[in-house]
mmCIF file of all heavy atoms, coordinates in Angstrom:
data_MODEL
# 
_entry.id   MODEL 
# 
loop_
_atom_site.group_PDB 
_atom_site.id 
_atom_site.type_symbol 
_atom_site.label_atom_id 
_atom_site.label_alt_id 
_atom_site.label_comp_id 
_atom_site.label_asym_id 
_atom_site.label_entity_id 
_atom_site.label_seq_id 
_atom_site.pdbx_PDB_ins_code 
_atom_site.Cartn_x 
_atom_site.Cartn_y 
_atom_site.Cartn_z 
_atom_site.occupancy 
_atom_site.B_iso_or_equiv 
_atom_site.pdbx_formal_charge 
_atom_site.auth_seq_id 
_atom_site.auth_comp_id 
_atom_site.auth_asym_id 
_atom_site.auth_atom_id 
_atom_site.pdbx_PDB_model_num 
ATOM 1   N N   . MET A 1 1  ? 0.828  -1.204 0.000   1.00 0.00 ? 1  MET A N   1 
ATOM 2   C CA  . MET A 1 1  ? 0.000  0.000  0.000   1.00 0.00 ? 1  MET A CA  1 
ATOM 3   C C   . MET A 1 1  ? 0.861  1.252  0.000   1.00 0.00 ? 1  MET A C   1 
ATOM 4   O O   . MET A 1 1  ? 0.532  2.262  -0.633  1.00 0.00 ? 1  MET A O   1 
ATOM 5   C CB  . MET A 1 1  ? -0.925 0.009  1.214   1.00 0.00 ? 1  MET A CB  1 
ATOM 6   C CG  . MET A 1 1  ? -1.904 1.180  1.234   1.00 0.00 ? 1  MET A CG  1 
ATOM 7   S SD  . MET A 1 1  ? -2.899 1.261  2.737   1.00 0.00 ? 1  MET A SD  1 
ATOM 8   C CE  . MET A 1 1  ? -1.650 1.746  3.933   1.00 0.00 ? 1  MET A CE  1 
ATOM 9   N N   . ALA A 1 2  ? 1.993  1.207  0.707   1.00 0.00 ? 2  ALA A N   1 
ATOM 10  C CA  . ALA A 1 2  ? 2.886  2.366  0.758   1.00 0.00 ? 2  ALA A CA  1 
ATOM 11  C C   . ALA A 1 2  ? 3.411  2.704  -0.626  1.00 0.00 ? 2  ALA A C   1 
ATOM 12  O O   . ALA A 1 2  ? 3.496  3.881  -0.999  1.00 0.00 ? 2  ALA A O   1 
ATOM 13  C CB  . ALA A 1 2  ? 4.049  2.087  1.711   1.00 0.00 ? 2  ALA A CB  1 
ATOM 14  N N   . ARG A 1 3  ? 3.746  1.679  -1.418  1.00 0.00 ? 3  ARG A N   1 
ATOM 15  C CA  . ARG A 1 3  ? 4.215  1.932  -2.784  1.00 0.00 ? 3  ARG A CA  1 
ATOM 16  C C   . ARG A 1 3  ? 3.097  2.510  -3.651  1.00 0.00 ? 3  ARG A C   1 
ATOM 17  O O   . ARG A 1 3  ? 3.327  3.363  -4.494  1.00 0.00 ? 3  ARG A O   1 
ATOM 18  C CB  . ARG A 1 3  ? 4.741  0.646  -3.413  1.00 0.00 ? 3  ARG A CB  1 
ATOM 19  C CG  . ARG A 1 3  ? 6.051  0.147  -2.832  1.00 0.00 ? 3  ARG A CG  1 
ATOM 20  C CD  . ARG A 1 3  ? 6.652  -0.942 -3.707  1.00 0.00 ? 3  ARG A CD  1 
ATOM 21  N NE  . ARG A 1 3  ? 7.826  -1.516 -3.091  1.00 0.00 ? 3  ARG A NE  1 
ATOM 22  C CZ  . ARG A 1 3  ? 7.809  -2.606 -2.330  1.00 0.00 ? 3  ARG A CZ  1 
ATOM 23  N NH1 . ARG A 1 3  ? 6.665  -3.233 -2.117  1.00 0.00 ? 3  ARG A NH1 1 
ATOM 24  N NH2 . ARG A 1 3  ? 8.915  -3.071 -1.800  1.00 0.00 ? 3  ARG A NH2 1 
ATOM 25  N N   . GLN A 1 4  ? 1.870  2.022  -3.444  1.00 0.00 ? 4  GLN A N   1 
ATOM 26  C CA  . GLN A 1 4  ? 0.759  2.457  -4.280  1.00 0.00 ? 4  GLN A CA  1 
ATOM 27  C C   . GLN A 1 4  ? 0.367  3.911  -4.028  1.00 0.00 ? 4  GLN A C   1 
ATOM 28  O O   . GLN A 1 4  ? -0.055 4.609  -4.955  1.00 0.00 ? 4  GLN A O   1 
ATOM 29  C CB  . GLN A 1 4  ? -0.447 1.546  -4.041  1.00 0.00 ? 4  GLN A CB  1 
ATOM 30  C CG  . GLN A 1 4  ? -0.256 0.142  -4.584  1.00 0.00 ? 4  GLN A CG  1 
ATOM 31  C CD  . GLN A 1 4  ? -1.404 -0.790 -4.222  1.00 0.00 ? 4  GLN A CD  1 
ATOM 32  O OE1 . GLN A 1 4  ? -2.204 -0.466 -3.333  1.00 0.00 ? 4  GLN A OE1 1 
ATOM 33  N NE2 . GLN A 1 4  ? -1.486 -1.929 -4.882  1.00 0.00 ? 4  GLN A NE2 1 
ATOM 34  N N   . ILE A 1 5  ? 0.488  4.385  -2.806  1.00 0.00 ? 5  ILE A N   1 
ATOM 35  C CA  . ILE A 1 5  ? 0.067  5.754  -2.493  1.00 0.00 ? 5  ILE A CA  1 
ATOM 36  C C   . ILE A 1 5  ? 1.223  6.742  -2.509  1.00 0.00 ? 5  ILE A C   1 
ATOM 37  O O   . ILE A 1 5  ? 0.997  7.955  -2.530  1.00 0.00 ? 5  ILE A O   1 
ATOM 38  C CB  . ILE A 1 5  ? -0.625 5.821  -1.114  1.00 0.00 ? 5  ILE A CB  1 
ATOM 39  C CG1 . ILE A 1 5  ? 0.367  5.494  0.000   1.00 0.00 ? 5  ILE A CG1 1 
ATOM 40  C CG2 . ILE A 1 5  ? -1.827 4.898  -1.067  1.00 0.00 ? 5  ILE A CG2 1 
ATOM 41  C CD1 . ILE A 1 5  ? -0.183 5.699  1.391   1.00 0.00 ? 5  ILE A CD1 1 
ATOM 42  N N   . SER A 1 6  ? 2.463  6.247  -2.509  1.00 0.00 ? 6  SER A N   1 
ATOM 43  C CA  . SER A 1 6  ? 3.607  7.149  -2.370  1.00 0.00 ? 6  SER A CA  1 
ATOM 44  C C   . SER A 1 6  ? 3.761  8.080  -3.568  1.00 0.00 ? 6  SER A C   1 
ATOM 45  O O   . SER A 1 6  ? 4.157  9.243  -3.409  1.00 0.00 ? 6  SER A O   1 
ATOM 46  C CB  . SER A 1 6  ? 4.894  6.345  -2.172  1.00 0.00 ? 6  SER A CB  1 
ATOM 47  O OG  . SER A 1 6  ? 5.078  5.426  -3.236  1.00 0.00 ? 6  SER A OG  1 
ATOM 48  N N   . GLY A 1 7  ? 3.426  7.604  -4.776  1.00 0.00 ? 7  GLY A N   1 
ATOM 49  C CA  . GLY A 1 7  ? 3.535  8.468  -5.957  1.00 0.00 ? 7  GLY A CA  1 
ATOM 50  C C   . GLY A 1 7  ? 2.605  9.659  -5.863  1.00 0.00 ? 7  GLY A C   1 
ATOM 51  O O   . GLY A 1 7  ? 2.995  10.800 -6.139  1.00 0.00 ? 7  GLY A O   1 
ATOM 52  N N   . GLY A 1 8  ? 1.364  9.408  -5.454  1.00 0.00 ? 8  GLY A N   1 
ATOM 53  C CA  . GLY A 1 8  ? 0.408  10.501 -5.296  1.00 0.00 ? 8  GLY A CA  1 
ATOM 54  C C   . GLY A 1 8  ? 0.808  11.465 -4.197  1.00 0.00 ? 8  GLY A C   1 
ATOM 55  O O   . GLY A 1 8  ? 0.694  12.685 -4.350  1.00 0.00 ? 8  GLY A O   1 
ATOM 56  N N   . ILE A 1 9  ? 1.288  10.939 -3.069  1.00 0.00 ? 9  ILE A N   1 
ATOM 57  C CA  . ILE A 1 9  ? 1.699  11.802 -1.954  1.00 0.00 ? 9  ILE A CA  1 
ATOM 58  C C   . ILE A 1 9  ? 2.873  12.684 -2.367  1.00 0.00 ? 9  ILE A C   1 
ATOM 59  O O   . ILE A 1 9  ? 2.927  13.878 -2.034  1.00 0.00 ? 9  ILE A O   1 
ATOM 60  C CB  . ILE A 1 9  ? 2.059  10.953 -0.727  1.00 0.00 ? 9  ILE A CB  1 
ATOM 61  C CG1 . ILE A 1 9  ? 0.824  10.230 -0.200  1.00 0.00 ? 9  ILE A CG1 1 
ATOM 62  C CG2 . ILE A 1 9  ? 2.672  11.813 0.366   1.00 0.00 ? 9  ILE A CG2 1 
ATOM 63  C CD1 . ILE A 1 9  ? 1.110  9.245  0.905   1.00 0.00 ? 9  ILE A CD1 1 
ATOM 64  N N   . LEU A 1 10 ? 3.819  12.114 -3.092  1.00 0.00 ? 10 LEU A N   1 
ATOM 65  C CA  . LEU A 1 10 ? 4.984  12.888 -3.531  1.00 0.00 ? 10 LEU A CA  1 
ATOM 66  C C   . LEU A 1 10 ? 4.569  14.072 -4.388  1.00 0.00 ? 10 LEU A C   1 
ATOM 67  O O   . LEU A 1 10 ? 4.998  15.215 -4.150  1.00 0.00 ? 10 LEU A O   1 
ATOM 68  C CB  . LEU A 1 10 ? 5.929  11.975 -4.319  1.00 0.00 ? 10 LEU A CB  1 
ATOM 69  C CG  . LEU A 1 10 ? 7.118  12.660 -4.996  1.00 0.00 ? 10 LEU A CG  1 
ATOM 70  C CD1 . LEU A 1 10 ? 8.046  13.274 -3.956  1.00 0.00 ? 10 LEU A CD1 1 
ATOM 71  C CD2 . LEU A 1 10 ? 7.887  11.679 -5.874  1.00 0.00 ? 10 LEU A CD2 1 
ATOM 72  N N   . TRP A 1 11 ? 3.701  13.843 -5.375  1.00 0.00 ? 11 TRP A N   1 
ATOM 73  C CA  . TRP A 1 11 ? 3.318  14.925 -6.281  1.00 0.00 ? 11 TRP A CA  1 
ATOM 74  C C   . TRP A 1 11 ? 2.383  15.924 -5.625  1.00 0.00 ? 11 TRP A C   1 
ATOM 75  O O   . TRP A 1 11 ? 2.415  17.111 -5.952  1.00 0.00 ? 11 TRP A O   1 
ATOM 76  C CB  . TRP A 1 11 ? 2.705  14.355 -7.556  1.00 0.00 ? 11 TRP A CB  1 
ATOM 77  C CG  . TRP A 1 11 ? 3.743  13.770 -8.457  1.00 0.00 ? 11 TRP A CG  1 
ATOM 78  C CD1 . TRP A 1 11 ? 3.932  12.459 -8.779  1.00 0.00 ? 11 TRP A CD1 1 
ATOM 79  C CD2 . TRP A 1 11 ? 4.781  14.484 -9.131  1.00 0.00 ? 11 TRP A CD2 1 
ATOM 80  N NE1 . TRP A 1 11 ? 5.006  12.311 -9.608  1.00 0.00 ? 11 TRP A NE1 1 
ATOM 81  C CE2 . TRP A 1 11 ? 5.554  13.544 -9.849  1.00 0.00 ? 11 TRP A CE2 1 
ATOM 82  C CE3 . TRP A 1 11 ? 5.141  15.830 -9.201  1.00 0.00 ? 11 TRP A CE3 1 
ATOM 83  C CZ2 . TRP A 1 11 ? 6.649  13.903 -10.614 1.00 0.00 ? 11 TRP A CZ2 1 
ATOM 84  C CZ3 . TRP A 1 11 ? 6.235  16.195 -9.978  1.00 0.00 ? 11 TRP A CZ3 1 
ATOM 85  C CH2 . TRP A 1 11 ? 6.968  15.238 -10.671 1.00 0.00 ? 11 TRP A CH2 1 
ATOM 86  N N   . VAL A 1 12 ? 1.560  15.474 -4.686  1.00 0.00 ? 12 VAL A N   1 
ATOM 87  C CA  . VAL A 1 12 ? 0.718  16.416 -3.946  1.00 0.00 ? 12 VAL A CA  1 
ATOM 88  C C   . VAL A 1 12 ? 1.597  17.351 -3.114  1.00 0.00 ? 12 VAL A C   1 
ATOM 89  O O   . VAL A 1 12 ? 1.377  18.571 -3.071  1.00 0.00 ? 12 VAL A O   1 
ATOM 90  C CB  . VAL A 1 12 ? -0.282 15.656 -3.049  1.00 0.00 ? 12 VAL A CB  1 
ATOM 91  C CG1 . VAL A 1 12 ? -0.903 16.592 -2.016  1.00 0.00 ? 12 VAL A CG1 1 
ATOM 92  C CG2 . VAL A 1 12 ? -1.371 15.037 -3.897  1.00 0.00 ? 12 VAL A CG2 1 
ATOM 93  N N   . ALA A 1 13 ? 2.608  16.783 -2.457  1.00 0.00 ? 13 ALA A N   1 
ATOM 94  C CA  . ALA A 1 13 ? 3.524  17.607 -1.655  1.00 0.00 ? 13 ALA A CA  1 
ATOM 95  C C   . ALA A 1 13 ? 4.241  18.629 -2.527  1.00 0.00 ? 13 ALA A C   1 
ATOM 96  O O   . ALA A 1 13 ? 4.353  19.806 -2.165  1.00 0.00 ? 13 ALA A O   1 
ATOM 97  C CB  . ALA A 1 13 ? 4.532  16.712 -0.935  1.00 0.00 ? 13 ALA A CB  1 
ATOM 98  N N   . LEU A 1 14 ? 4.725  18.203 -3.697  1.00 0.00 ? 14 LEU A N   1 
ATOM 99  C CA  . LEU A 1 14 ? 5.456  19.115 -4.576  1.00 0.00 ? 14 LEU A CA  1 
ATOM 100 C C   . LEU A 1 14 ? 4.529  20.163 -5.187  1.00 0.00 ? 14 LEU A C   1 
ATOM 101 O O   . LEU A 1 14 ? 4.920  21.324 -5.353  1.00 0.00 ? 14 LEU A O   1 
ATOM 102 C CB  . LEU A 1 14 ? 6.146  18.324 -5.685  1.00 0.00 ? 14 LEU A CB  1 
ATOM 103 C CG  . LEU A 1 14 ? 7.299  17.426 -5.237  1.00 0.00 ? 14 LEU A CG  1 
ATOM 104 C CD1 . LEU A 1 14 ? 7.820  16.591 -6.397  1.00 0.00 ? 14 LEU A CD1 1 
ATOM 105 C CD2 . LEU A 1 14 ? 8.432  18.254 -4.632  1.00 0.00 ? 14 LEU A CD2 1 
ATOM 106 N N   . LEU A 1 15 ? 3.297  19.761 -5.517  1.00 0.00 ? 15 LEU A N   1 
ATOM 107 C CA  . LEU A 1 15 ? 2.342  20.703 -6.109  1.00 0.00 ? 15 LEU A CA  1 
ATOM 108 C C   . LEU A 1 15 ? 2.027  21.842 -5.150  1.00 0.00 ? 15 LEU A C   1 
ATOM 109 O O   . LEU A 1 15 ? 2.165  23.022 -5.502  1.00 0.00 ? 15 LEU A O   1 
ATOM 110 C CB  . LEU A 1 15 ? 1.065  19.968 -6.498  1.00 0.00 ? 15 LEU A CB  1 
ATOM 111 C CG  . LEU A 1 15 ? -0.117 20.837 -6.937  1.00 0.00 ? 15 LEU A CG  1 
ATOM 112 C CD1 . LEU A 1 15 ? 0.229  21.609 -8.209  1.00 0.00 ? 15 LEU A CD1 1 
ATOM 113 C CD2 . LEU A 1 15 ? -1.359 19.978 -7.154  1.00 0.00 ? 15 LEU A CD2 1 
ATOM 114 N N   . PHE A 1 16 ? 1.613  21.514 -3.943  1.00 0.00 ? 16 PHE A N   1 
ATOM 115 C CA  . PHE A 1 16 ? 1.224  22.562 -3.001  1.00 0.00 ? 16 PHE A CA  1 
ATOM 116 C C   . PHE A 1 16 ? 2.436  23.341 -2.489  1.00 0.00 ? 16 PHE A C   1 
ATOM 117 O O   . PHE A 1 16 ? 2.327  24.535 -2.186  1.00 0.00 ? 16 PHE A O   1 
ATOM 118 C CB  . PHE A 1 16 ? 0.438  21.960 -1.845  1.00 0.00 ? 16 PHE A CB  1 
ATOM 119 C CG  . PHE A 1 16 ? -0.954 21.551 -2.216  1.00 0.00 ? 16 PHE A CG  1 
ATOM 120 C CD1 . PHE A 1 16 ? -1.269 20.231 -2.483  1.00 0.00 ? 16 PHE A CD1 1 
ATOM 121 C CD2 . PHE A 1 16 ? -1.957 22.499 -2.334  1.00 0.00 ? 16 PHE A CD2 1 
ATOM 122 C CE1 . PHE A 1 16 ? -2.551 19.865 -2.846  1.00 0.00 ? 16 PHE A CE1 1 
ATOM 123 C CE2 . PHE A 1 16 ? -3.236 22.149 -2.700  1.00 0.00 ? 16 PHE A CE2 1 
ATOM 124 C CZ  . PHE A 1 16 ? -3.540 20.822 -2.956  1.00 0.00 ? 16 PHE A CZ  1 
ATOM 125 N N   . ALA A 1 17 ? 3.591  22.681 -2.408  1.00 0.00 ? 17 ALA A N   1 
ATOM 126 C CA  . ALA A 1 17 ? 4.790  23.405 -2.005  1.00 0.00 ? 17 ALA A CA  1 
ATOM 127 C C   . ALA A 1 17 ? 5.211  24.418 -3.063  1.00 0.00 ? 17 ALA A C   1 
ATOM 128 O O   . ALA A 1 17 ? 5.614  25.544 -2.745  1.00 0.00 ? 17 ALA A O   1 
ATOM 129 C CB  . ALA A 1 17 ? 5.930  22.420 -1.734  1.00 0.00 ? 17 ALA A CB  1 
ATOM 130 N N   . SER A 1 18 ? 5.097  24.038 -4.340  1.00 0.00 ? 18 SER A N   1 
ATOM 131 C CA  . SER A 1 18 ? 5.480  24.966 -5.409  1.00 0.00 ? 18 SER A CA  1 
ATOM 132 C C   . SER A 1 18 ? 4.537  26.155 -5.490  1.00 0.00 ? 18 SER A C   1 
ATOM 133 O O   . SER A 1 18 ? 4.959  27.269 -5.834  1.00 0.00 ? 18 SER A O   1 
ATOM 134 C CB  . SER A 1 18 ? 5.527  24.231 -6.749  1.00 0.00 ? 18 SER A CB  1 
ATOM 135 O OG  . SER A 1 18 ? 4.254  23.707 -7.085  1.00 0.00 ? 18 SER A OG  1 
ATOM 136 N N   . ILE A 1 19 ? 3.251  25.944 -5.175  1.00 0.00 ? 19 ILE A N   1 
ATOM 137 C CA  . ILE A 1 19 ? 2.295  27.050 -5.202  1.00 0.00 ? 19 ILE A CA  1 
ATOM 138 C C   . ILE A 1 19 ? 2.700  28.142 -4.226  1.00 0.00 ? 19 ILE A C   1 
ATOM 139 O O   . ILE A 1 19 ? 2.538  29.342 -4.497  1.00 0.00 ? 19 ILE A O   1 
ATOM 140 C CB  . ILE A 1 19 ? 0.871  26.535 -4.903  1.00 0.00 ? 19 ILE A CB  1 
ATOM 141 C CG1 . ILE A 1 19 ? 0.339  25.756 -6.104  1.00 0.00 ? 19 ILE A CG1 1 
ATOM 142 C CG2 . ILE A 1 19 ? -0.085 27.677 -4.576  1.00 0.00 ? 19 ILE A CG2 1 
ATOM 143 C CD1 . ILE A 1 19 ? -1.015 25.115 -5.877  1.00 0.00 ? 19 ILE A CD1 1 
ATOM 144 N N   . THR A 1 20 ? 3.265  27.749 -3.085  1.00 0.00 ? 20 THR A N   1 
ATOM 145 C CA  . THR A 1 20 ? 3.670  28.738 -2.087  1.00 0.00 ? 20 THR A CA  1 
ATOM 146 C C   . THR A 1 20 ? 4.793  29.638 -2.600  1.00 0.00 ? 20 THR A C   1 
ATOM 147 O O   . THR A 1 20 ? 4.948  30.766 -2.117  1.00 0.00 ? 20 THR A O   1 
ATOM 148 C CB  . THR A 1 20 ? 4.153  28.042 -0.807  1.00 0.00 ? 20 THR A CB  1 
ATOM 149 O OG1 . THR A 1 20 ? 5.309  27.235 -1.097  1.00 0.00 ? 20 THR A OG1 1 
ATOM 150 C CG2 . THR A 1 20 ? 3.068  27.136 -0.237  1.00 0.00 ? 20 THR A CG2 1 
ATOM 151 N N   . ALA A 1 21 ? 5.576  29.149 -3.570  1.00 0.00 ? 21 ALA A N   1 
ATOM 152 C CA  . ALA A 1 21 ? 6.718  29.923 -4.056  1.00 0.00 ? 21 ALA A CA  1 
ATOM 153 C C   . ALA A 1 21 ? 6.444  30.675 -5.351  1.00 0.00 ? 21 ALA A C   1 
ATOM 154 O O   . ALA A 1 21 ? 7.122  31.670 -5.638  1.00 0.00 ? 21 ALA A O   1 
ATOM 155 C CB  . ALA A 1 21 ? 7.917  29.004 -4.269  1.00 0.00 ? 21 ALA A CB  1 
ATOM 156 N N   . LEU A 1 22 ? 5.453  30.237 -6.143  1.00 0.00 ? 22 LEU A N   1 
ATOM 157 C CA  . LEU A 1 22 ? 5.242  30.828 -7.460  1.00 0.00 ? 22 LEU A CA  1 
ATOM 158 C C   . LEU A 1 22 ? 4.750  32.264 -7.366  1.00 0.00 ? 22 LEU A C   1 
ATOM 159 O O   . LEU A 1 22 ? 5.229  33.146 -8.098  1.00 0.00 ? 22 LEU A O   1 
ATOM 160 C CB  . LEU A 1 22 ? 4.257  29.977 -8.261  1.00 0.00 ? 22 LEU A CB  1 
ATOM 161 C CG  . LEU A 1 22 ? 4.800  28.620 -8.717  1.00 0.00 ? 22 LEU A CG  1 
ATOM 162 C CD1 . LEU A 1 22 ? 3.684  27.742 -9.262  1.00 0.00 ? 22 LEU A CD1 1 
ATOM 163 C CD2 . LEU A 1 22 ? 5.888  28.802 -9.760  1.00 0.00 ? 22 LEU A CD2 1 
ATOM 164 N N   . ASN A 1 23 ? 3.801  32.535 -6.493  1.00 0.00 ? 23 ASN A N   1 
ATOM 165 C CA  . ASN A 1 23 ? 3.332  33.910 -6.326  1.00 0.00 ? 23 ASN A CA  1 
ATOM 166 C C   . ASN A 1 23 ? 4.449  34.816 -5.838  1.00 0.00 ? 23 ASN A C   1 
ATOM 167 O O   . ASN A 1 23 ? 4.565  35.967 -6.257  1.00 0.00 ? 23 ASN A O   1 
ATOM 168 C CB  . ASN A 1 23 ? 2.160  33.950 -5.342  1.00 0.00 ? 23 ASN A CB  1 
ATOM 169 C CG  . ASN A 1 23 ? 0.823  33.701 -6.015  1.00 0.00 ? 23 ASN A CG  1 
ATOM 170 O OD1 . ASN A 1 23 ? 0.596  34.162 -7.130  1.00 0.00 ? 23 ASN A OD1 1 
ATOM 171 N ND2 . ASN A 1 23 ? -0.052 32.980 -5.350  1.00 0.00 ? 23 ASN A ND2 1 
ATOM 172 N N   . GLN A 1 24 ? 5.266  34.286 -4.948  1.00 0.00 ? 24 GLN A N   1 
ATOM 173 C CA  . GLN A 1 24 ? 6.333  35.091 -4.370  1.00 0.00 ? 24 GLN A CA  1 
ATOM 174 C C   . GLN A 1 24 ? 7.371  35.492 -5.413  1.00 0.00 ? 24 GLN A C   1 
ATOM 175 O O   . GLN A 1 24 ? 7.971  36.565 -5.326  1.00 0.00 ? 24 GLN A O   1 
ATOM 176 C CB  . GLN A 1 24 ? 7.004  34.310 -3.243  1.00 0.00 ? 24 GLN A CB  1 
ATOM 177 C CG  . GLN A 1 24 ? 7.969  35.113 -2.403  1.00 0.00 ? 24 GLN A CG  1 
ATOM 178 C CD  . GLN A 1 24 ? 8.494  34.324 -1.231  1.00 0.00 ? 24 GLN A CD  1 
ATOM 179 O OE1 . GLN A 1 24 ? 8.179  33.152 -1.074  1.00 0.00 ? 24 GLN A OE1 1 
ATOM 180 N NE2 . GLN A 1 24 ? 9.287  34.956 -0.408  1.00 0.00 ? 24 GLN A NE2 1 
ATOM 181 N N   . SER A 1 25 ? 7.575  34.638 -6.416  1.00 0.00 ? 25 SER A N   1 
ATOM 182 C CA  . SER A 1 25 ? 8.576  34.958 -7.437  1.00 0.00 ? 25 SER A CA  1 
ATOM 183 C C   . SER A 1 25 ? 8.199  36.203 -8.229  1.00 0.00 ? 25 SER A C   1 
ATOM 184 O O   . SER A 1 25 ? 9.065  36.979 -8.641  1.00 0.00 ? 25 SER A O   1 
ATOM 185 C CB  . SER A 1 25 ? 8.755  33.759 -8.377  1.00 0.00 ? 25 SER A CB  1 
ATOM 186 O OG  . SER A 1 25 ? 7.559  33.533 -9.116  1.00 0.00 ? 25 SER A OG  1 
ATOM 187 N N   . TRP A 1 26 ? 6.888  36.418 -8.466  1.00 0.00 ? 26 TRP A N   1 
ATOM 188 C CA  . TRP A 1 26 ? 6.459  37.625 -9.174  1.00 0.00 ? 26 TRP A CA  1 
ATOM 189 C C   . TRP A 1 26 ? 6.310  38.819 -8.246  1.00 0.00 ? 26 TRP A C   1 
ATOM 190 O O   . TRP A 1 26 ? 6.394  39.962 -8.686  1.00 0.00 ? 26 TRP A O   1 
ATOM 191 C CB  . TRP A 1 26 ? 5.135  37.362 -9.894  1.00 0.00 ? 26 TRP A CB  1 
ATOM 192 C CG  . TRP A 1 26 ? 5.298  36.531 -11.124 1.00 0.00 ? 26 TRP A CG  1 
ATOM 193 C CD1 . TRP A 1 26 ? 4.907  35.246 -11.304 1.00 0.00 ? 26 TRP A CD1 1 
ATOM 194 C CD2 . TRP A 1 26 ? 5.925  36.920 -12.349 1.00 0.00 ? 26 TRP A CD2 1 
ATOM 195 N NE1 . TRP A 1 26 ? 5.245  34.812 -12.557 1.00 0.00 ? 26 TRP A NE1 1 
ATOM 196 C CE2 . TRP A 1 26 ? 5.864  35.825 -13.224 1.00 0.00 ? 26 TRP A CE2 1 
ATOM 197 C CE3 . TRP A 1 26 ? 6.530  38.096 -12.785 1.00 0.00 ? 26 TRP A CE3 1 
ATOM 198 C CZ2 . TRP A 1 26 ? 6.382  35.871 -14.511 1.00 0.00 ? 26 TRP A CZ2 1 
ATOM 199 C CZ3 . TRP A 1 26 ? 7.043  38.148 -14.074 1.00 0.00 ? 26 TRP A CZ3 1 
ATOM 200 C CH2 . TRP A 1 26 ? 6.968  37.040 -14.914 1.00 0.00 ? 26 TRP A CH2 1 
ATOM 201 N N   . THR A 1 27 ? 6.083  38.569 -6.965  1.00 0.00 ? 27 THR A N   1 
ATOM 202 C CA  . THR A 1 27 ? 6.008  39.677 -6.011  1.00 0.00 ? 27 THR A CA  1 
ATOM 203 C C   . THR A 1 27 ? 7.318  40.448 -5.963  1.00 0.00 ? 27 THR A C   1 
ATOM 204 O O   . THR A 1 27 ? 7.337  41.671 -5.807  1.00 0.00 ? 27 THR A O   1 
ATOM 205 C CB  . THR A 1 27 ? 5.651  39.141 -4.612  1.00 0.00 ? 27 THR A CB  1 
ATOM 206 O OG1 . THR A 1 27 ? 4.415  38.415 -4.694  1.00 0.00 ? 27 THR A OG1 1 
ATOM 207 C CG2 . THR A 1 27 ? 5.498  40.273 -3.615  1.00 0.00 ? 27 THR A CG2 1 
ATOM 208 N N   . ARG A 1 28 ? 8.422  39.753 -6.128  1.00 0.00 ? 28 ARG A N   1 
ATOM 209 C CA  . ARG A 1 28 ? 9.725  40.417 -6.155  1.00 0.00 ? 28 ARG A CA  1 
ATOM 210 C C   . ARG A 1 28 ? 9.821  41.424 -7.293  1.00 0.00 ? 28 ARG A C   1 
ATOM 211 O O   . ARG A 1 28 ? 10.467 42.460 -7.171  1.00 0.00 ? 28 ARG A O   1 
ATOM 212 C CB  . ARG A 1 28 ? 10.831 39.370 -6.307  1.00 0.00 ? 28 ARG A CB  1 
ATOM 213 C CG  . ARG A 1 28 ? 10.988 38.416 -5.130  1.00 0.00 ? 28 ARG A CG  1 
ATOM 214 C CD  . ARG A 1 28 ? 11.948 37.316 -5.491  1.00 0.00 ? 28 ARG A CD  1 
ATOM 215 N NE  . ARG A 1 28 ? 12.185 36.404 -4.380  1.00 0.00 ? 28 ARG A NE  1 
ATOM 216 C CZ  . ARG A 1 28 ? 12.827 35.247 -4.493  1.00 0.00 ? 28 ARG A CZ  1 
ATOM 217 N NH1 . ARG A 1 28 ? 13.282 34.870 -5.682  1.00 0.00 ? 28 ARG A NH1 1 
ATOM 218 N NH2 . ARG A 1 28 ? 13.002 34.487 -3.443  1.00 0.00 ? 28 ARG A NH2 1 
# 
């Protein structure tokens, strides 16, 4: 089960983490 869900968890973490930085890049 860990292998089956790990791909989704990885991309969810990267997706929401990147959103936090994308707005900030244009704020500069």
